[in-house]
Amino acid sequence: MKRTFVRFLADESGATAIEYGLIAAGIALAIIAVVNGIGSNLNTQFSSLNSSLK
């Protein structure tokens, strides 16, 4: 029983999966922020272009 508990404490495969998940979530948030900023900028540019064409 003691050996099983020690092996459980030494197993770090779950921690690695959690770290990869956190990295993926951080990258996804960065991509969303960039796309949101670019989308707002493009909307402004198209609105300006539409106004100048009228």
PDB file of N, CA and C in Angstrom:
ATOM      1  N   MET A   1       0.835  -1.192   0.000  1.00  0.00           N
ATOM      2  CA  MET A   1       0.000   0.000   0.000  1.00  0.00           C
ATOM      3  C   MET A   1       0.878   1.254   0.000  1.00  0.00           C
ATOM      4  N   LYS A   2       1.924   1.226   0.792  1.00  0.00           N
ATOM      5  CA  LYS A   2       2.807   2.385   0.873  1.00  0.00           C
ATOM      6  C   LYS A   2       3.498   2.624  -0.466  1.00  0.00           C
ATOM      7  N   ARG A   3       3.897   1.543  -1.136  1.00  0.00           N
ATOM      8  CA  ARG A   3       4.584   1.669  -2.414  1.00  0.00           C
ATOM      9  C   ARG A   3       3.656   2.264  -3.484  1.00  0.00           C
ATOM     10  N   THR A   4       2.394   1.892  -3.457  1.00  0.00           N
ATOM     11  CA  THR A   4       1.416   2.427  -4.399  1.00  0.00           C
ATOM     12  C   THR A   4       1.218   3.926  -4.173  1.00  0.00           C
ATOM     13  N   PHE A   5       1.163   4.338  -2.921  1.00  0.00           N
ATOM     14  CA  PHE A   5       0.993   5.754  -2.591  1.00  0.00           C
ATOM     15  C   PHE A   5       2.208   6.566  -3.040  1.00  0.00           C
ATOM     16  N   VAL A   6       3.397   6.034  -2.837  1.00  0.00           N
ATOM     17  CA  VAL A   6       4.622   6.721  -3.252  1.00  0.00           C
ATOM     18  C   VAL A   6       4.662   6.839  -4.775  1.00  0.00           C
ATOM     19  N   ARG A   7       4.254   5.784  -5.464  1.00  0.00           N
ATOM     20  CA  ARG A   7       4.205   5.827  -6.924  1.00  0.00           C
ATOM     21  C   ARG A   7       3.184   6.857  -7.414  1.00  0.00           C
ATOM     22  N   PHE A   8       2.081   6.969  -6.719  1.00  0.00           N
ATOM     23  CA  PHE A   8       1.058   7.954  -7.064  1.00  0.00           C
ATOM     24  C   PHE A   8       1.599   9.378  -6.912  1.00  0.00           C
ATOM     25  N   LEU A   9       2.329   9.624  -5.857  1.00  0.00           N
ATOM     26  CA  LEU A   9       2.889  10.960  -5.635  1.00  0.00           C
ATOM     27  C   LEU A   9       3.976  11.299  -6.652  1.00  0.00           C
ATOM     28  N   ALA A  10       4.699  10.304  -7.125  1.00  0.00           N
ATOM     29  CA  ALA A  10       5.784  10.539  -8.076  1.00  0.00           C
ATOM     30  C   ALA A  10       5.283  10.708  -9.501  1.00  0.00           C
ATOM     31  N   ASP A  11       4.058  10.276  -9.800  1.00  0.00           N
ATOM     32  CA  ASP A  11       3.513  10.362 -11.153  1.00  0.00           C
ATOM     33  C   ASP A  11       3.169  11.811 -11.485  1.00  0.00           C
ATOM     34  N   GLU A  12       3.802  12.355 -12.535  1.00  0.00           N
ATOM     35  CA  GLU A  12       3.577  13.748 -12.912  1.00  0.00           C
ATOM     36  C   GLU A  12       2.901  13.888 -14.274  1.00  0.00           C
ATOM     37  N   SER A  13       2.367  12.826 -14.821  1.00  0.00           N
ATOM     38  CA  SER A  13       1.757  12.902 -16.151  1.00  0.00           C
ATOM     39  C   SER A  13       0.518  13.789 -16.148  1.00  0.00           C
ATOM     40  N   GLY A  14      -0.254  13.787 -15.093  1.00  0.00           N
ATOM     41  CA  GLY A  14      -1.430  14.651 -15.006  1.00  0.00           C
ATOM     42  C   GLY A  14      -1.051  16.118 -14.940  1.00  0.00           C
ATOM     43  N   ALA A  15       0.018  16.423 -14.226  1.00  0.00           N
ATOM     44  CA  ALA A  15       0.474  17.807 -14.120  1.00  0.00           C
ATOM     45  C   ALA A  15       0.930  18.329 -15.478  1.00  0.00           C
ATOM     46  N   THR A  16       1.564  17.482 -16.267  1.00  0.00           N
ATOM     47  CA  THR A  16       2.004  17.894 -17.594  1.00  0.00           C
ATOM     48  C   THR A  16       0.810  18.201 -18.482  1.00  0.00           C
ATOM     49  N   ALA A  17      -0.222  17.385 -18.418  1.00  0.00           N
ATOM     50  CA  ALA A  17      -1.423  17.624 -19.222  1.00  0.00           C
ATOM     51  C   ALA A  17      -2.090  18.935 -18.821  1.00  0.00           C
ATOM     52  N   ILE A  18      -2.125  19.220 -17.541  1.00  0.00           N
ATOM     53  CA  ILE A  18      -2.711  20.472 -17.070  1.00  0.00           C
ATOM     54  C   ILE A  18      -1.894  21.659 -17.560  1.00  0.00           C
ATOM     55  N   GLU A  19      -0.580  21.556 -17.533  1.00  0.00           N
ATOM     56  CA  GLU A  19       0.276  22.641 -18.017  1.00  0.00           C
ATOM     57  C   GLU A  19       0.048  22.891 -19.497  1.00  0.00           C
ATOM     58  N   TYR A  20      -0.042  21.823 -20.296  1.00  0.00           N
ATOM     59  CA  TYR A  20      -0.308  21.995 -21.721  1.00  0.00           C
ATOM     60  C   TYR A  20      -1.682  22.628 -21.949  1.00  0.00           C
ATOM     61  N   GLY A  21      -2.638  22.258 -21.143  1.00  0.00           N
ATOM     62  CA  GLY A  21      -3.968  22.857 -21.252  1.00  0.00           C
ATOM     63  C   GLY A  21      -3.953  24.343 -20.941  1.00  0.00           C
ATOM     64  N   LEU A  22      -3.208  24.736 -19.922  1.00  0.00           N
ATOM     65  CA  LEU A  22      -3.105  26.154 -19.572  1.00  0.00           C
ATOM     66  C   LEU A  22      -2.387  26.941 -20.667  1.00  0.00           C
ATOM     67  N   ILE A  23      -1.363  26.353 -21.257  1.00  0.00           N
ATOM     68  CA  ILE A  23      -0.653  27.018 -22.358  1.00  0.00           C
ATOM     69  C   ILE A  23      -1.590  27.200 -23.548  1.00  0.00           C
ATOM     70  N   ALA A  24      -2.346  26.161 -23.884  1.00  0.00           N
ATOM     71  CA  ALA A  24      -3.286  26.252 -25.003  1.00  0.00           C
ATOM     72  C   ALA A  24      -4.354  27.312 -24.740  1.00  0.00           C
ATOM     73  N   ALA A  25      -4.841  27.398 -23.503  1.00  0.00           N
ATOM     74  CA  ALA A  25      -5.842  28.403 -23.154  1.00  0.00           C
ATOM     75  C   ALA A  25      -5.257  29.814 -23.271  1.00  0.00           C
ATOM     76  N   GLY A  26      -4.023  29.988 -22.847  1.00  0.00           N
ATOM     77  CA  GLY A  26      -3.371  31.298 -22.965  1.00  0.00           C
ATOM     78  C   GLY A  26      -3.193  31.715 -24.410  1.00  0.00           C
ATOM     79  N   ILE A  27      -2.781  30.780 -25.247  1.00  0.00           N
ATOM     80  CA  ILE A  27      -2.610  31.083 -26.672  1.00  0.00           C
ATOM     81  C   ILE A  27      -3.956  31.425 -27.300  1.00  0.00           C
ATOM     82  N   ALA A  28      -5.002  30.687 -26.936  1.00  0.00           N
ATOM     83  CA  ALA A  28      -6.333  30.958 -27.476  1.00  0.00           C
ATOM     84  C   ALA A  28      -6.818  32.349 -27.072  1.00  0.00           C
ATOM     85  N   LEU A  29      -6.583  32.745 -25.831  1.00  0.00           N
ATOM     86  CA  LEU A  29      -6.980  34.082 -25.390  1.00  0.00           C
ATOM     87  C   LEU A  29      -6.220  35.165 -26.143  1.00  0.00           C
ATOM     88  N   ALA A  30      -4.936  34.945 -26.389  1.00  0.00           N
ATOM     89  CA  ALA A  30      -4.140  35.919 -27.144  1.00  0.00           C
ATOM     90  C   ALA A  30      -4.661  36.050 -28.567  1.00  0.00           C
ATOM     91  N   ILE A  31      -4.997  34.931 -29.196  1.00  0.00           N
ATOM     92  CA  ILE A  31      -5.525  34.974 -30.564  1.00  0.00           C
ATOM     93  C   ILE A  31      -6.863  35.703 -30.601  1.00  0.00           C
ATOM     94  N   ILE A  32      -7.722  35.440 -29.644  1.00  0.00           N
ATOM     95  CA  ILE A  32      -9.024  36.105 -29.590  1.00  0.00           C
ATOM     96  C   ILE A  32      -8.850  37.611 -29.418  1.00  0.00           C
ATOM     97  N   ALA A  33      -7.930  38.017 -28.568  1.00  0.00           N
ATOM     98  CA  ALA A  33      -7.695  39.451 -28.347  1.00  0.00           C
ATOM     99  C   ALA A  33      -7.189  40.131 -29.615  1.00  0.00           C
ATOM    100  N   VAL A  34      -6.273  39.483 -30.320  1.00  0.00           N
ATOM    101  CA  VAL A  34      -5.727  40.060 -31.552  1.00  0.00           C
ATOM    102  C   VAL A  34      -6.802  40.144 -32.628  1.00  0.00           C
ATOM    103  N   VAL A  35      -7.565  39.081 -32.809  1.00  0.00           N
ATOM    104  CA  VAL A  35      -8.616  39.079 -33.832  1.00  0.00           C
ATOM    105  C   VAL A  35      -9.681  40.121 -33.508  1.00  0.00           C
ATOM    106  N   ASN A  36     -10.018  40.269 -32.252  1.00  0.00           N
ATOM    107  CA  ASN A  36     -11.002  41.266 -31.848  1.00  0.00           C
ATOM    108  C   ASN A  36     -10.497  42.673 -32.156  1.00  0.00           C
ATOM    109  N   GLY A  37      -9.242  42.931 -31.873  1.00  0.00           N
ATOM    110  CA  GLY A  37      -8.666  44.243 -32.169  1.00  0.00           C
ATOM    111  C   GLY A  37      -8.602  44.523 -33.653  1.00  0.00           C
ATOM    112  N   ILE A  38      -8.219  43.541 -34.432  1.00  0.00           N
ATOM    113  CA  ILE A  38      -8.146  43.704 -35.884  1.00  0.00           C
ATOM    114  C   ILE A  38      -9.551  43.891 -36.462  1.00  0.00           C
ATOM    115  N   GLY A  39     -10.524  43.161 -35.939  1.00  0.00           N
ATOM    116  CA  GLY A  39     -11.897  43.286 -36.420  1.00  0.00           C
ATOM    117  C   GLY A  39     -12.448  44.675 -36.207  1.00  0.00           C
ATOM    118  N   SER A  40     -12.199  45.260 -35.055  1.00  0.00           N
ATOM    119  CA  SER A  40     -12.656  46.625 -34.777  1.00  0.00           C
ATOM    120  C   SER A  40     -11.988  47.611 -35.720  1.00  0.00           C
ATOM    121  N   ASN A  41     -10.701  47.412 -35.937  1.00  0.00           N
ATOM    122  CA  ASN A  41      -9.951  48.290 -36.826  1.00  0.00           C
ATOM    123  C   ASN A  41     -10.479  48.186 -38.258  1.00  0.00           C
ATOM    124  N   LEU A  42     -10.729  46.977 -38.729  1.00  0.00           N
ATOM    125  CA  LEU A  42     -11.255  46.795 -40.081  1.00  0.00           C
ATOM    126  C   LEU A  42     -12.658  47.383 -40.218  1.00  0.00           C
ATOM    127  N   ASN A  43     -13.466  47.260 -39.201  1.00  0.00           N
ATOM    128  CA  ASN A  43     -14.809  47.827 -39.236  1.00  0.00           C
ATOM    129  C   ASN A  43     -14.742  49.335 -39.407  1.00  0.00           C
ATOM    130  N   THR A  44     -13.837  49.973 -38.707  1.00  0.00           N
ATOM    131  CA  THR A  44     -13.655  51.416 -38.832  1.00  0.00           C
ATOM    132  C   THR A  44     -13.199  51.786 -40.245  1.00  0.00           C
ATOM    133  N   GLN A  45     -12.268  51.023 -40.784  1.00  0.00           N
ATOM    134  CA  GLN A  45     -11.767  51.297 -42.132  1.00  0.00           C
ATOM    135  C   GLN A  45     -12.869  51.129 -43.182  1.00  0.00           C
ATOM    136  N   PHE A  46     -13.651  50.066 -43.089  1.00  0.00           N
ATOM    137  CA  PHE A  46     -14.731  49.863 -44.054  1.00  0.00           C
ATOM    138  C   PHE A  46     -15.825  50.917 -43.923  1.00  0.00           C
ATOM    139  N   SER A  47     -16.112  51.347 -42.715  1.00  0.00           N
ATOM    140  CA  SER A  47     -17.098  52.410 -42.522  1.00  0.00           C
ATOM    141  C   SER A  47     -16.620  53.700 -43.164  1.00  0.00           C
ATOM    142  N   SER A  48     -15.343  54.005 -42.992  1.00  0.00           N
ATOM    143  CA  SER A  48     -14.764  55.203 -43.597  1.00  0.00           C
ATOM    144  C   SER A  48     -14.800  55.095 -45.122  1.00  0.00           C
ATOM    145  N   LEU A  49     -14.473  53.959 -45.662  1.00  0.00           N
ATOM    146  CA  LEU A  49     -14.502  53.746 -47.103  1.00  0.00           C
ATOM    147  C   LEU A  49     -15.917  53.860 -47.650  1.00  0.00           C
ATOM    148  N   ASN A  50     -16.870  53.308 -46.921  1.00  0.00           N
ATOM    149  CA  ASN A  50     -18.265  53.384 -47.332  1.00  0.00           C
ATOM    150  C   ASN A  50     -18.739  54.834 -47.340  1.00  0.00           C
ATOM    151  N   SER A  51     -18.369  55.609 -46.351  1.00  0.00           N
ATOM    152  CA  SER A  51     -18.763  57.013 -46.293  1.00  0.00           C
ATOM    153  C   SER A  51     -18.161  57.811 -47.441  1.00  0.00           C
ATOM    154  N   SER A  52     -16.918  57.550 -47.774  1.00  0.00           N
ATOM    155  CA  SER A  52     -16.263  58.312 -48.835  1.00  0.00           C
ATOM    156  C   SER A  52     -16.798  57.938 -50.216  1.00  0.00           C
ATOM    157  N   LEU A  53     -17.362  56.740 -50.364  1.00  0.00           N
ATOM    158  CA  LEU A  53     -17.897  56.342 -51.658  1.00  0.00           C
ATOM    159  C   LEU A  53     -19.288  56.908 -51.919  1.00  0.00           C
ATOM    160  N   LYS A  54     -19.992  57.329 -50.882  1.00  0.00           N
ATOM    161  CA  LYS A  54     -21.361  57.846 -51.049  1.00  0.00           C
ATOM    162  C   LYS A  54     -21.377  59.220 -51.608  1.00  0.00           C
TER     163      LYS A  54
END
